[in-house]
Amino acid sequence: MIYKEVLEKRLARKKEQLANLEGIINSGSEVTGVDKRKYIELKAVVNELENCLDIAESMIKLEK
């Protein structure tokens, strides 16, 4: 299903962005409010994409 593939690719990109931001936050350098906000927003996006991916997988199983 194309929908599932798109979700997987987007999720992978967002997880990579989140990992990069976590690296910045955990590096010990000064963390700005913008970085904190981006981190929270990315975590929310990753969680939502994972939920959507679960729904897509359930839809595929129902079609079979």
Protein backbone atom coordinates (compact mmCIF):
# COMPACT_ATOMS: atom_id res chain seq x y z
CA MET A 1 0.00 0.00 0.00
CA ILE A 2 1.44 3.33 -1.07
CA TYR A 3 0.06 5.10 2.01
CA LYS A 4 2.07 2.82 4.31
CA GLU A 5 5.27 3.32 2.31
CA VAL A 6 4.90 7.10 2.46
CA LEU A 7 4.35 6.95 6.22
CA GLU A 8 7.41 4.73 6.69
CA LYS A 9 9.65 7.08 4.70
CA ARG A 10 8.36 10.16 6.50
CA LEU A 11 8.76 8.44 9.87
CA ALA A 12 12.36 7.53 9.03
CA ARG A 13 13.16 11.15 8.12
CA LYS A 14 11.57 12.51 11.28
CA LYS A 15 13.39 9.96 13.45
CA GLU A 16 16.67 11.01 11.85
CA GLN A 17 15.89 14.68 12.56
CA LEU A 18 15.00 13.77 16.13
CA ALA A 19 18.23 11.82 16.59
CA ASN A 20 20.25 14.79 15.29
CA LEU A 21 18.47 17.14 17.67
CA GLU A 22 18.95 14.72 20.59
CA GLY A 23 22.66 14.72 19.77
CA ILE A 24 22.74 18.49 20.02
CA ILE A 25 20.80 18.49 23.28
CA ASN A 26 22.92 15.73 24.85
CA SER A 27 26.23 17.24 23.70
CA GLY A 28 26.34 19.50 26.72
CA SER A 29 26.23 22.69 24.73
CA GLU A 30 23.75 25.41 25.53
CA VAL A 31 20.25 24.40 24.46
CA THR A 32 17.97 27.16 23.25
CA GLY A 33 14.23 27.40 23.68
CA VAL A 34 13.87 26.87 19.94
CA ASP A 35 15.76 23.57 20.17
CA LYS A 36 13.54 22.43 23.02
CA ARG A 37 10.40 23.36 21.09
CA LYS A 38 11.64 21.55 17.97
CA TYR A 39 12.40 18.47 20.07
CA ILE A 40 8.91 18.41 21.58
CA GLU A 41 7.29 18.96 18.18
CA LEU A 42 9.37 16.24 16.53
CA LYS A 43 8.54 13.77 19.31
CA ALA A 44 4.84 14.50 18.77
CA VAL A 45 5.17 14.05 15.00
CA VAL A 46 7.04 10.76 15.41
CA ASN A 47 4.37 9.46 17.80
CA GLU A 48 1.58 10.49 15.43
CA LEU A 49 3.29 8.92 12.43
CA GLU A 50 3.78 5.69 14.36
CA ASN A 51 0.07 5.69 15.21
CA CYS A 52 -0.87 6.31 11.57
CA LEU A 53 1.46 3.53 10.47
CA ASP A 54 -0.21 1.15 12.91
CA ILE A 55 -3.59 2.09 11.46
CA ALA A 56 -2.31 1.54 7.92
CA GLU A 57 -0.99 -1.90 8.86
CA SER A 58 -4.34 -2.77 10.41
CA MET A 59 -6.13 -1.64 7.25
CA ILE A 60 -3.88 -3.89 5.15
CA LYS A 61 -4.61 -6.87 7.40
CA LEU A 62 -8.35 -6.22 7.11
CA GLU A 63 -8.16 -6.16 3.31
CA LYS A 64 -6.60 -9.63 3.25
